[in-house]
mmCIF file of all heavy atoms, coordinates in Angstrom:
data_MODEL
# 
_entry.id   MODEL 
# 
loop_
_atom_site.group_PDB 
_atom_site.id 
_atom_site.type_symbol 
_atom_site.label_atom_id 
_atom_site.label_alt_id 
_atom_site.label_comp_id 
_atom_site.label_asym_id 
_atom_site.label_entity_id 
_atom_site.label_seq_id 
_atom_site.pdbx_PDB_ins_code 
_atom_site.Cartn_x 
_atom_site.Cartn_y 
_atom_site.Cartn_z 
_atom_site.occupancy 
_atom_site.B_iso_or_equiv 
_atom_site.pdbx_formal_charge 
_atom_site.auth_seq_id 
_atom_site.auth_comp_id 
_atom_site.auth_asym_id 
_atom_site.auth_atom_id 
_atom_site.pdbx_PDB_model_num 
ATOM 1   N N   . CYS A 1 1  ? 2.545   -16.528 0.536   1.00 0.00 ? 1  CYS A N   1 
ATOM 2   C CA  . CYS A 1 1  ? 3.942   -16.365 0.140   1.00 0.00 ? 1  CYS A CA  1 
ATOM 3   C C   . CYS A 1 1  ? 4.839   -15.776 1.231   1.00 0.00 ? 1  CYS A C   1 
ATOM 4   O O   . CYS A 1 1  ? 5.981   -15.514 0.994   1.00 0.00 ? 1  CYS A O   1 
ATOM 5   C CB  . CYS A 1 1  ? 3.968   -15.432 -1.126  1.00 0.00 ? 1  CYS A CB  1 
ATOM 6   S SG  . CYS A 1 1  ? 3.311   -16.162 -2.613  1.00 0.00 ? 1  CYS A SG  1 
ATOM 7   N N   . PHE A 1 2  ? 4.230   -15.565 2.358   1.00 0.00 ? 2  PHE A N   1 
ATOM 8   C CA  . PHE A 1 2  ? 4.917   -14.964 3.531   1.00 0.00 ? 2  PHE A CA  1 
ATOM 9   C C   . PHE A 1 2  ? 5.360   -13.523 3.221   1.00 0.00 ? 2  PHE A C   1 
ATOM 10  O O   . PHE A 1 2  ? 6.418   -13.135 3.678   1.00 0.00 ? 2  PHE A O   1 
ATOM 11  C CB  . PHE A 1 2  ? 6.062   -15.864 4.043   1.00 0.00 ? 2  PHE A CB  1 
ATOM 12  C CG  . PHE A 1 2  ? 5.605   -17.245 4.381   1.00 0.00 ? 2  PHE A CG  1 
ATOM 13  C CD1 . PHE A 1 2  ? 5.841   -18.275 3.540   1.00 0.00 ? 2  PHE A CD1 1 
ATOM 14  C CD2 . PHE A 1 2  ? 4.919   -17.442 5.611   1.00 0.00 ? 2  PHE A CD2 1 
ATOM 15  C CE1 . PHE A 1 2  ? 5.380   -19.566 3.866   1.00 0.00 ? 2  PHE A CE1 1 
ATOM 16  C CE2 . PHE A 1 2  ? 4.481   -18.713 5.929   1.00 0.00 ? 2  PHE A CE2 1 
ATOM 17  C CZ  . PHE A 1 2  ? 4.684   -19.759 5.041   1.00 0.00 ? 2  PHE A CZ  1 
ATOM 18  N N   . PHE A 1 3  ? 4.601   -12.838 2.430   1.00 0.00 ? 3  PHE A N   1 
ATOM 19  C CA  . PHE A 1 3  ? 4.830   -11.385 2.167   1.00 0.00 ? 3  PHE A CA  1 
ATOM 20  C C   . PHE A 1 3  ? 4.164   -10.616 3.301   1.00 0.00 ? 3  PHE A C   1 
ATOM 21  O O   . PHE A 1 3  ? 3.020   -10.838 3.637   1.00 0.00 ? 3  PHE A O   1 
ATOM 22  C CB  . PHE A 1 3  ? 4.274   -10.931 0.848   1.00 0.00 ? 3  PHE A CB  1 
ATOM 23  C CG  . PHE A 1 3  ? 4.857   -11.566 -0.365  1.00 0.00 ? 3  PHE A CG  1 
ATOM 24  C CD1 . PHE A 1 3  ? 4.290   -11.297 -1.599  1.00 0.00 ? 3  PHE A CD1 1 
ATOM 25  C CD2 . PHE A 1 3  ? 5.969   -12.387 -0.384  1.00 0.00 ? 3  PHE A CD2 1 
ATOM 26  C CE1 . PHE A 1 3  ? 4.776   -11.838 -2.763  1.00 0.00 ? 3  PHE A CE1 1 
ATOM 27  C CE2 . PHE A 1 3  ? 6.524   -12.922 -1.503  1.00 0.00 ? 3  PHE A CE2 1 
ATOM 28  C CZ  . PHE A 1 3  ? 5.898   -12.649 -2.733  1.00 0.00 ? 3  PHE A CZ  1 
ATOM 29  N N   . LYS A 1 4  ? 4.867   -9.667  3.831   1.00 0.00 ? 4  LYS A N   1 
ATOM 30  C CA  . LYS A 1 4  ? 4.350   -8.800  4.871   1.00 0.00 ? 4  LYS A CA  1 
ATOM 31  C C   . LYS A 1 4  ? 4.127   -7.387  4.427   1.00 0.00 ? 4  LYS A C   1 
ATOM 32  O O   . LYS A 1 4  ? 5.049   -6.780  3.848   1.00 0.00 ? 4  LYS A O   1 
ATOM 33  C CB  . LYS A 1 4  ? 5.312   -8.784  6.114   1.00 0.00 ? 4  LYS A CB  1 
ATOM 34  C CG  . LYS A 1 4  ? 5.545   -10.130 6.706   1.00 0.00 ? 4  LYS A CG  1 
ATOM 35  C CD  . LYS A 1 4  ? 4.352   -10.596 7.479   1.00 0.00 ? 4  LYS A CD  1 
ATOM 36  C CE  . LYS A 1 4  ? 4.610   -11.921 8.191   1.00 0.00 ? 4  LYS A CE  1 
ATOM 37  N NZ  . LYS A 1 4  ? 3.560   -12.888 8.022   1.00 0.00 ? 4  LYS A NZ  1 
ATOM 38  N N   . ILE A 1 5  ? 2.910   -6.857  4.629   1.00 0.00 ? 5  ILE A N   1 
ATOM 39  C CA  . ILE A 1 5  ? 2.638   -5.450  4.287   1.00 0.00 ? 5  ILE A CA  1 
ATOM 40  C C   . ILE A 1 5  ? 2.969   -4.590  5.473   1.00 0.00 ? 5  ILE A C   1 
ATOM 41  O O   . ILE A 1 5  ? 2.592   -4.855  6.627   1.00 0.00 ? 5  ILE A O   1 
ATOM 42  C CB  . ILE A 1 5  ? 1.146   -5.299  3.943   1.00 0.00 ? 5  ILE A CB  1 
ATOM 43  C CG1 . ILE A 1 5  ? 0.846   -6.039  2.610   1.00 0.00 ? 5  ILE A CG1 1 
ATOM 44  C CG2 . ILE A 1 5  ? 0.762   -3.806  3.846   1.00 0.00 ? 5  ILE A CG2 1 
ATOM 45  C CD1 . ILE A 1 5  ? -0.617  -6.009  2.169   1.00 0.00 ? 5  ILE A CD1 1 
ATOM 46  N N   . SER A 1 6  ? 3.641   -3.492  5.236   1.00 0.00 ? 6  SER A N   1 
ATOM 47  C CA  . SER A 1 6  ? 3.950   -2.500  6.277   1.00 0.00 ? 6  SER A CA  1 
ATOM 48  C C   . SER A 1 6  ? 3.890   -1.083  5.661   1.00 0.00 ? 6  SER A C   1 
ATOM 49  O O   . SER A 1 6  ? 3.812   -0.932  4.467   1.00 0.00 ? 6  SER A O   1 
ATOM 50  C CB  . SER A 1 6  ? 5.344   -2.749  6.877   1.00 0.00 ? 6  SER A CB  1 
ATOM 51  O OG  . SER A 1 6  ? 6.324   -2.577  5.916   1.00 0.00 ? 6  SER A OG  1 
ATOM 52  N N   . ASP A 1 7  ? 3.847   -0.106  6.549   1.00 0.00 ? 7  ASP A N   1 
ATOM 53  C CA  . ASP A 1 7  ? 3.832   1.297   6.153   1.00 0.00 ? 7  ASP A CA  1 
ATOM 54  C C   . ASP A 1 7  ? 2.744   1.627   5.160   1.00 0.00 ? 7  ASP A C   1 
ATOM 55  O O   . ASP A 1 7  ? 2.899   2.389   4.187   1.00 0.00 ? 7  ASP A O   1 
ATOM 56  C CB  . ASP A 1 7  ? 5.210   1.751   5.538   1.00 0.00 ? 7  ASP A CB  1 
ATOM 57  C CG  . ASP A 1 7  ? 6.344   1.645   6.525   1.00 0.00 ? 7  ASP A CG  1 
ATOM 58  O OD1 . ASP A 1 7  ? 6.067   1.537   7.726   1.00 0.00 ? 7  ASP A OD1 1 
ATOM 59  O OD2 . ASP A 1 7  ? 7.507   1.613   6.087   1.00 0.00 ? 7  ASP A OD2 1 
ATOM 60  N N   . PHE A 1 8  ? 1.557   1.071   5.365   1.00 0.00 ? 8  PHE A N   1 
ATOM 61  C CA  . PHE A 1 8  ? 0.402   1.221   4.475   1.00 0.00 ? 8  PHE A CA  1 
ATOM 62  C C   . PHE A 1 8  ? -0.135  2.675   4.546   1.00 0.00 ? 8  PHE A C   1 
ATOM 63  O O   . PHE A 1 8  ? -0.401  3.130   5.646   1.00 0.00 ? 8  PHE A O   1 
ATOM 64  C CB  . PHE A 1 8  ? -0.660  0.239   4.820   1.00 0.00 ? 8  PHE A CB  1 
ATOM 65  C CG  . PHE A 1 8  ? -1.845  0.257   3.908   1.00 0.00 ? 8  PHE A CG  1 
ATOM 66  C CD1 . PHE A 1 8  ? -1.869  -0.451  2.735   1.00 0.00 ? 8  PHE A CD1 1 
ATOM 67  C CD2 . PHE A 1 8  ? -2.963  1.052   4.204   1.00 0.00 ? 8  PHE A CD2 1 
ATOM 68  C CE1 . PHE A 1 8  ? -2.946  -0.413  1.886   1.00 0.00 ? 8  PHE A CE1 1 
ATOM 69  C CE2 . PHE A 1 8  ? -4.055  1.114   3.331   1.00 0.00 ? 8  PHE A CE2 1 
ATOM 70  C CZ  . PHE A 1 8  ? -4.048  0.381   2.172   1.00 0.00 ? 8  PHE A CZ  1 
ATOM 71  N N   . LYS A 1 9  ? -0.328  3.280   3.370   1.00 0.00 ? 9  LYS A N   1 
ATOM 72  C CA  . LYS A 1 9  ? -0.874  4.642   3.359   1.00 0.00 ? 9  LYS A CA  1 
ATOM 73  C C   . LYS A 1 9  ? -1.863  4.772   2.173   1.00 0.00 ? 9  LYS A C   1 
ATOM 74  O O   . LYS A 1 9  ? -1.530  4.400   1.036   1.00 0.00 ? 9  LYS A O   1 
ATOM 75  C CB  . LYS A 1 9  ? 0.249   5.697   3.133   1.00 0.00 ? 9  LYS A CB  1 
ATOM 76  C CG  . LYS A 1 9  ? 1.175   5.857   4.320   1.00 0.00 ? 9  LYS A CG  1 
ATOM 77  C CD  . LYS A 1 9  ? 2.283   6.875   4.021   1.00 0.00 ? 9  LYS A CD  1 
ATOM 78  C CE  . LYS A 1 9  ? 3.313   6.847   5.068   1.00 0.00 ? 9  LYS A CE  1 
ATOM 79  N NZ  . LYS A 1 9  ? 4.398   5.970   4.840   1.00 0.00 ? 9  LYS A NZ  1 
ATOM 80  N N   . LEU A 1 10 ? -3.051  5.289   2.450   1.00 0.00 ? 10 LEU A N   1 
ATOM 81  C CA  . LEU A 1 10 ? -4.008  5.554   1.403   1.00 0.00 ? 10 LEU A CA  1 
ATOM 82  C C   . LEU A 1 10 ? -3.679  6.861   0.720   1.00 0.00 ? 10 LEU A C   1 
ATOM 83  O O   . LEU A 1 10 ? -3.185  7.784   1.332   1.00 0.00 ? 10 LEU A O   1 
ATOM 84  C CB  . LEU A 1 10 ? -5.414  5.669   2.023   1.00 0.00 ? 10 LEU A CB  1 
ATOM 85  C CG  . LEU A 1 10 ? -6.055  4.391   2.500   1.00 0.00 ? 10 LEU A CG  1 
ATOM 86  C CD1 . LEU A 1 10 ? -7.356  4.718   3.226   1.00 0.00 ? 10 LEU A CD1 1 
ATOM 87  C CD2 . LEU A 1 10 ? -6.324  3.442   1.358   1.00 0.00 ? 10 LEU A CD2 1 
ATOM 88  N N   . GLU A 1 11 ? -3.985  6.977   -0.572  1.00 0.00 ? 11 GLU A N   1 
ATOM 89  C CA  . GLU A 1 11 ? -3.857  8.188   -1.286  1.00 0.00 ? 11 GLU A CA  1 
ATOM 90  C C   . GLU A 1 11 ? -5.247  8.731   -1.540  1.00 0.00 ? 11 GLU A C   1 
ATOM 91  O O   . GLU A 1 11 ? -6.041  8.180   -2.311  1.00 0.00 ? 11 GLU A O   1 
ATOM 92  C CB  . GLU A 1 11 ? -3.156  7.943   -2.692  1.00 0.00 ? 11 GLU A CB  1 
ATOM 93  C CG  . GLU A 1 11 ? -1.702  7.681   -2.570  1.00 0.00 ? 11 GLU A CG  1 
ATOM 94  C CD  . GLU A 1 11 ? -1.067  7.584   -3.938  1.00 0.00 ? 11 GLU A CD  1 
ATOM 95  O OE1 . GLU A 1 11 ? -1.586  8.181   -4.917  1.00 0.00 ? 11 GLU A OE1 1 
ATOM 96  O OE2 . GLU A 1 11 ? -0.076  6.909   -4.037  1.00 0.00 ? 11 GLU A OE2 1 
ATOM 97  N N   . ILE A 1 12 ? -5.587  9.795   -0.842  1.00 0.00 ? 12 ILE A N   1 
ATOM 98  C CA  . ILE A 1 12 ? -6.967  10.324  -0.877  1.00 0.00 ? 12 ILE A CA  1 
ATOM 99  C C   . ILE A 1 12 ? -7.375  10.785  -2.266  1.00 0.00 ? 12 ILE A C   1 
ATOM 100 O O   . ILE A 1 12 ? -8.504  10.522  -2.721  1.00 0.00 ? 12 ILE A O   1 
ATOM 101 C CB  . ILE A 1 12 ? -7.066  11.533  0.113   1.00 0.00 ? 12 ILE A CB  1 
ATOM 102 C CG1 . ILE A 1 12 ? -6.619  11.088  1.511   1.00 0.00 ? 12 ILE A CG1 1 
ATOM 103 C CG2 . ILE A 1 12 ? -8.452  12.104  0.104   1.00 0.00 ? 12 ILE A CG2 1 
ATOM 104 C CD1 . ILE A 1 12 ? -7.365  9.949   2.123   1.00 0.00 ? 12 ILE A CD1 1 
ATOM 105 N N   . GLU A 1 13 ? -6.481  11.426  -3.034  1.00 0.00 ? 13 GLU A N   1 
ATOM 106 C CA  . GLU A 1 13 ? -6.855  11.971  -4.356  1.00 0.00 ? 13 GLU A CA  1 
ATOM 107 C C   . GLU A 1 13 ? -7.269  10.892  -5.362  1.00 0.00 ? 13 GLU A C   1 
ATOM 108 O O   . GLU A 1 13 ? -8.069  11.191  -6.244  1.00 0.00 ? 13 GLU A O   1 
ATOM 109 C CB  . GLU A 1 13 ? -5.725  12.829  -4.865  1.00 0.00 ? 13 GLU A CB  1 
ATOM 110 C CG  . GLU A 1 13 ? -5.676  14.212  -4.239  1.00 0.00 ? 13 GLU A CG  1 
ATOM 111 C CD  . GLU A 1 13 ? -4.781  15.109  -4.996  1.00 0.00 ? 13 GLU A CD  1 
ATOM 112 O OE1 . GLU A 1 13 ? -3.549  14.942  -4.972  1.00 0.00 ? 13 GLU A OE1 1 
ATOM 113 O OE2 . GLU A 1 13 ? -5.313  16.029  -5.667  1.00 0.00 ? 13 GLU A OE2 1 
ATOM 114 N N   . SER A 1 14 ? -6.712  9.751   -5.298  1.00 0.00 ? 14 SER A N   1 
ATOM 115 C CA  . SER A 1 14 ? -7.007  8.706   -6.268  1.00 0.00 ? 14 SER A CA  1 
ATOM 116 C C   . SER A 1 14 ? -7.848  7.593   -5.641  1.00 0.00 ? 14 SER A C   1 
ATOM 117 O O   . SER A 1 14 ? -7.694  6.430   -5.938  1.00 0.00 ? 14 SER A O   1 
ATOM 118 C CB  . SER A 1 14 ? -5.733  8.180   -6.896  1.00 0.00 ? 14 SER A CB  1 
ATOM 119 O OG  . SER A 1 14 ? -5.114  9.125   -7.697  1.00 0.00 ? 14 SER A OG  1 
ATOM 120 N N   . LYS A 1 15 ? -8.739  8.021   -4.746  1.00 0.00 ? 15 LYS A N   1 
ATOM 121 C CA  . LYS A 1 15 ? -9.521  7.005   -4.032  1.00 0.00 ? 15 LYS A CA  1 
ATOM 122 C C   . LYS A 1 15 ? -10.435 6.256   -4.948  1.00 0.00 ? 15 LYS A C   1 
ATOM 123 O O   . LYS A 1 15 ? -10.793 5.079   -4.642  1.00 0.00 ? 15 LYS A O   1 
ATOM 124 C CB  . LYS A 1 15 ? -10.286 7.661   -2.856  1.00 0.00 ? 15 LYS A CB  1 
ATOM 125 C CG  . LYS A 1 15 ? -11.338 8.626   -3.262  1.00 0.00 ? 15 LYS A CG  1 
ATOM 126 C CD  . LYS A 1 15 ? -12.007 9.174   -2.042  1.00 0.00 ? 15 LYS A CD  1 
ATOM 127 C CE  . LYS A 1 15 ? -13.003 10.284  -2.476  1.00 0.00 ? 15 LYS A CE  1 
ATOM 128 N NZ  . LYS A 1 15 ? -13.560 10.957  -1.324  1.00 0.00 ? 15 LYS A NZ  1 
ATOM 129 N N   . ASP A 1 16 ? -10.850 6.794   -6.118  1.00 0.00 ? 16 ASP A N   1 
ATOM 130 C CA  . ASP A 1 16 ? -11.629 6.050   -7.049  1.00 0.00 ? 16 ASP A CA  1 
ATOM 131 C C   . ASP A 1 16 ? -10.933 4.813   -7.573  1.00 0.00 ? 16 ASP A C   1 
ATOM 132 O O   . ASP A 1 16 ? -11.576 3.908   -8.047  1.00 0.00 ? 16 ASP A O   1 
ATOM 133 C CB  . ASP A 1 16 ? -12.000 6.976   -8.265  1.00 0.00 ? 16 ASP A CB  1 
ATOM 134 C CG  . ASP A 1 16 ? -13.011 8.018   -7.865  1.00 0.00 ? 16 ASP A CG  1 
ATOM 135 O OD1 . ASP A 1 16 ? -13.603 7.953   -6.810  1.00 0.00 ? 16 ASP A OD1 1 
ATOM 136 O OD2 . ASP A 1 16 ? -13.204 8.940   -8.726  1.00 0.00 ? 16 ASP A OD2 1 
ATOM 137 N N   . TYR A 1 17 ? -9.600  4.810   -7.482  1.00 0.00 ? 17 TYR A N   1 
ATOM 138 C CA  . TYR A 1 17 ? -8.810  3.660   -7.907  1.00 0.00 ? 17 TYR A CA  1 
ATOM 139 C C   . TYR A 1 17 ? -8.177  2.908   -6.733  1.00 0.00 ? 17 TYR A C   1 
ATOM 140 O O   . TYR A 1 17 ? -7.314  2.099   -6.889  1.00 0.00 ? 17 TYR A O   1 
ATOM 141 C CB  . TYR A 1 17 ? -7.669  4.144   -8.813  1.00 0.00 ? 17 TYR A CB  1 
ATOM 142 C CG  . TYR A 1 17 ? -8.205  4.697   -10.132 1.00 0.00 ? 17 TYR A CG  1 
ATOM 143 C CD1 . TYR A 1 17 ? -8.534  6.045   -10.249 1.00 0.00 ? 17 TYR A CD1 1 
ATOM 144 C CD2 . TYR A 1 17 ? -8.329  3.858   -11.240 1.00 0.00 ? 17 TYR A CD2 1 
ATOM 145 C CE1 . TYR A 1 17 ? -9.058  6.527   -11.465 1.00 0.00 ? 17 TYR A CE1 1 
ATOM 146 C CE2 . TYR A 1 17 ? -8.876  4.384   -12.435 1.00 0.00 ? 17 TYR A CE2 1 
ATOM 147 C CZ  . TYR A 1 17 ? -9.223  5.667   -12.538 1.00 0.00 ? 17 TYR A CZ  1 
ATOM 148 O OH  . TYR A 1 17 ? -9.696  6.171   -13.744 1.00 0.00 ? 17 TYR A OH  1 
ATOM 149 N N   . ASN A 1 18 ? -8.775  3.175   -5.530  1.00 0.00 ? 18 ASN A N   1 
ATOM 150 C CA  . ASN A 1 18 ? -8.234  2.576   -4.296  1.00 0.00 ? 18 ASN A CA  1 
ATOM 151 C C   . ASN A 1 18 ? -6.719  2.730   -4.203  1.00 0.00 ? 18 ASN A C   1 
ATOM 152 O O   . ASN A 1 18 ? -6.009  1.707   -3.877  1.00 0.00 ? 18 ASN A O   1 
ATOM 153 C CB  . ASN A 1 18 ? -8.680  1.126   -4.200  1.00 0.00 ? 18 ASN A CB  1 
ATOM 154 C CG  . ASN A 1 18 ? -10.127 1.030   -3.889  1.00 0.00 ? 18 ASN A CG  1 
ATOM 155 O OD1 . ASN A 1 18 ? -10.667 1.476   -2.933  1.00 0.00 ? 18 ASN A OD1 1 
ATOM 156 N ND2 . ASN A 1 18 ? -10.895 0.462   -4.863  1.00 0.00 ? 18 ASN A ND2 1 
ATOM 157 N N   . ALA A 1 19 ? -6.229  3.892   -4.526  1.00 0.00 ? 19 ALA A N   1 
ATOM 158 C CA  . ALA A 1 19 ? -4.772  4.101   -4.553  1.00 0.00 ? 19 ALA A CA  1 
ATOM 159 C C   . ALA A 1 19 ? -4.193  4.045   -3.153  1.00 0.00 ? 19 ALA A C   1 
ATOM 160 O O   . ALA A 1 19 ? -4.739  4.570   -2.147  1.00 0.00 ? 19 ALA A O   1 
ATOM 161 C CB  . ALA A 1 19 ? -4.523  5.509   -5.145  1.00 0.00 ? 19 ALA A CB  1 
ATOM 162 N N   . CYS A 1 20 ? -3.020  3.385   -3.094  1.00 0.00 ? 20 CYS A N   1 
ATOM 163 C CA  . CYS A 1 20 ? -2.271  3.319   -1.788  1.00 0.00 ? 20 CYS A CA  1 
ATOM 164 C C   . CYS A 1 20 ? -0.836  3.016   -2.100  1.00 0.00 ? 20 CYS A C   1 
ATOM 165 O O   . CYS A 1 20 ? -0.450  2.656   -3.214  1.00 0.00 ? 20 CYS A O   1 
ATOM 166 C CB  . CYS A 1 20 ? -2.933  2.240   -0.892  1.00 0.00 ? 20 CYS A CB  1 
ATOM 167 S SG  . CYS A 1 20 ? -2.950  0.625   -1.566  1.00 0.00 ? 20 CYS A SG  1 
ATOM 168 N N   . ASN A 1 21 ? -0.050  3.178   -1.092  1.00 0.00 ? 21 ASN A N   1 
ATOM 169 C CA  . ASN A 1 21 ? 1.393   2.835   -1.069  1.00 0.00 ? 21 ASN A CA  1 
ATOM 170 C C   . ASN A 1 21 ? 1.659   1.983   0.133   1.00 0.00 ? 21 ASN A C   1 
ATOM 171 O O   . ASN A 1 21 ? 1.035   2.177   1.159   1.00 0.00 ? 21 ASN A O   1 
ATOM 172 C CB  . ASN A 1 21 ? 2.245   4.125   -0.978  1.00 0.00 ? 21 ASN A CB  1 
ATOM 173 C CG  . ASN A 1 21 ? 1.995   5.030   -2.102  1.00 0.00 ? 21 ASN A CG  1 
ATOM 174 O OD1 . ASN A 1 21 ? 2.050   4.714   -3.290  1.00 0.00 ? 21 ASN A OD1 1 
ATOM 175 N ND2 . ASN A 1 21 ? 1.661   6.298   -1.782  1.00 0.00 ? 21 ASN A ND2 1 
ATOM 176 N N   . PHE A 1 22 ? 2.601   1.096   0.014   1.00 0.00 ? 22 PHE A N   1 
ATOM 177 C CA  . PHE A 1 22 ? 3.025   0.238   1.141   1.00 0.00 ? 22 PHE A CA  1 
ATOM 178 C C   . PHE A 1 22 ? 4.306   -0.430  0.857   1.00 0.00 ? 22 PHE A C   1 
ATOM 179 O O   . PHE A 1 22 ? 4.822   -0.361  -0.289  1.00 0.00 ? 22 PHE A O   1 
ATOM 180 C CB  . PHE A 1 22 ? 1.938   -0.767  1.542   1.00 0.00 ? 22 PHE A CB  1 
ATOM 181 C CG  . PHE A 1 22 ? 1.527   -1.696  0.439   1.00 0.00 ? 22 PHE A CG  1 
ATOM 182 C CD1 . PHE A 1 22 ? 2.143   -2.888  0.227   1.00 0.00 ? 22 PHE A CD1 1 
ATOM 183 C CD2 . PHE A 1 22 ? 0.427   -1.369  -0.440  1.00 0.00 ? 22 PHE A CD2 1 
ATOM 184 C CE1 . PHE A 1 22 ? 1.734   -3.756  -0.794  1.00 0.00 ? 22 PHE A CE1 1 
ATOM 185 C CE2 . PHE A 1 22 ? 0.037   -2.185  -1.428  1.00 0.00 ? 22 PHE A CE2 1 
ATOM 186 C CZ  . PHE A 1 22 ? 0.672   -3.445  -1.626  1.00 0.00 ? 22 PHE A CZ  1 
ATOM 187 N N   . LYS A 1 23 ? 4.877   -1.049  1.823   1.00 0.00 ? 23 LYS A N   1 
ATOM 188 C CA  . LYS A 1 23 ? 6.048   -1.900  1.663   1.00 0.00 ? 23 LYS A CA  1 
ATOM 189 C C   . LYS A 1 23 ? 5.609   -3.317  1.709   1.00 0.00 ? 23 LYS A C   1 
ATOM 190 O O   . LYS A 1 23 ? 4.686   -3.663  2.465   1.00 0.00 ? 23 LYS A O   1 
ATOM 191 C CB  . LYS A 1 23 ? 7.119   -1.628  2.737   1.00 0.00 ? 23 LYS A CB  1 
ATOM 192 C CG  . LYS A 1 23 ? 7.851   -0.329  2.585   1.00 0.00 ? 23 LYS A CG  1 
ATOM 193 C CD  . LYS A 1 23 ? 8.975   -0.218  3.574   1.00 0.00 ? 23 LYS A CD  1 
ATOM 194 C CE  . LYS A 1 23 ? 9.738   1.054   3.348   1.00 0.00 ? 23 LYS A CE  1 
ATOM 195 N NZ  . LYS A 1 23 ? 10.732  1.214   4.390   1.00 0.00 ? 23 LYS A NZ  1 
ATOM 196 N N   . LEU A 1 24 ? 6.188   -4.087  0.875   1.00 0.00 ? 24 LEU A N   1 
ATOM 197 C CA  . LEU A 1 24 ? 5.927   -5.542  0.853   1.00 0.00 ? 24 LEU A CA  1 
ATOM 198 C C   . LEU A 1 24 ? 7.294   -6.212  1.017   1.00 0.00 ? 24 LEU A C   1 
ATOM 199 O O   . LEU A 1 24 ? 8.066   -6.186  0.078   1.00 0.00 ? 24 LEU A O   1 
ATOM 200 C CB  . LEU A 1 24 ? 5.251   -5.917  -0.497  1.00 0.00 ? 24 LEU A CB  1 
ATOM 201 C CG  . LEU A 1 24 ? 4.667   -7.341  -0.544  1.00 0.00 ? 24 LEU A CG  1 
ATOM 202 C CD1 . LEU A 1 24 ? 3.462   -7.427  0.403   1.00 0.00 ? 24 LEU A CD1 1 
ATOM 203 C CD2 . LEU A 1 24 ? 4.201   -7.681  -1.984  1.00 0.00 ? 24 LEU A CD2 1 
ATOM 204 N N   . ASN A 1 25 ? 7.547   -6.731  2.251   1.00 0.00 ? 25 ASN A N   1 
ATOM 205 C CA  . ASN A 1 25 ? 8.887   -7.277  2.511   1.00 0.00 ? 25 ASN A CA  1 
ATOM 206 C C   . ASN A 1 25 ? 9.965   -6.330  2.081   1.00 0.00 ? 25 ASN A C   1 
ATOM 207 O O   . ASN A 1 25 ? 10.925  -6.690  1.410   1.00 0.00 ? 25 ASN A O   1 
ATOM 208 C CB  . ASN A 1 25 ? 9.076   -8.608  1.838   1.00 0.00 ? 25 ASN A CB  1 
ATOM 209 C CG  . ASN A 1 25 ? 8.257   -9.689  2.522   1.00 0.00 ? 25 ASN A CG  1 
ATOM 210 O OD1 . ASN A 1 25 ? 7.340   -9.497  3.277   1.00 0.00 ? 25 ASN A OD1 1 
ATOM 211 N ND2 . ASN A 1 25 ? 8.609   -10.956 2.227   1.00 0.00 ? 25 ASN A ND2 1 
ATOM 212 N N   . ASN A 1 26 ? 9.827   -5.059  2.456   1.00 0.00 ? 26 ASN A N   1 
ATOM 213 C CA  . ASN A 1 26 ? 10.765  -3.958  2.172   1.00 0.00 ? 26 ASN A CA  1 
ATOM 214 C C   . ASN A 1 26 ? 10.828  -3.522  0.728   1.00 0.00 ? 26 ASN A C   1 
ATOM 215 O O   . ASN A 1 26 ? 11.653  -2.624  0.382   1.00 0.00 ? 26 ASN A O   1 
ATOM 216 C CB  . ASN A 1 26 ? 12.163  -4.352  2.694   1.00 0.00 ? 26 ASN A CB  1 
ATOM 217 C CG  . ASN A 1 26 ? 12.223  -4.479  4.170   1.00 0.00 ? 26 ASN A CG  1 
ATOM 218 O OD1 . ASN A 1 26 ? 11.619  -3.631  4.863   1.00 0.00 ? 26 ASN A OD1 1 
ATOM 219 N ND2 . ASN A 1 26 ? 12.843  -5.527  4.701   1.00 0.00 ? 26 ASN A ND2 1 
ATOM 220 N N   . GLN A 1 27 ? 10.048  -4.061  -0.188  1.00 0.00 ? 27 GLN A N   1 
ATOM 221 C CA  . GLN A 1 27 ? 9.900   -3.546  -1.525  1.00 0.00 ? 27 GLN A CA  1 
ATOM 222 C C   . GLN A 1 27 ? 8.859   -2.389  -1.429  1.00 0.00 ? 27 GLN A C   1 
ATOM 223 O O   . GLN A 1 27 ? 7.799   -2.559  -0.836  1.00 0.00 ? 27 GLN A O   1 
ATOM 224 C CB  . GLN A 1 27 ? 9.379   -4.603  -2.518  1.00 0.00 ? 27 GLN A CB  1 
ATOM 225 C CG  . GLN A 1 27 ? 10.258  -5.767  -2.603  1.00 0.00 ? 27 GLN A CG  1 
ATOM 226 C CD  . GLN A 1 27 ? 11.436  -5.588  -3.559  1.00 0.00 ? 27 GLN A CD  1 
ATOM 227 O OE1 . GLN A 1 27 ? 11.774  -4.500  -3.972  1.00 0.00 ? 27 GLN A OE1 1 
ATOM 228 N NE2 . GLN A 1 27 ? 12.054  -6.695  -4.027  1.00 0.00 ? 27 GLN A NE2 1 
# 
């Protein structure tokens, strides 16, 4: 879909849920 992931950050506390935050085409 030509979506780009940027600013990827893992959330250590919710690692059991593979928690993370990122931007997807600025969303």
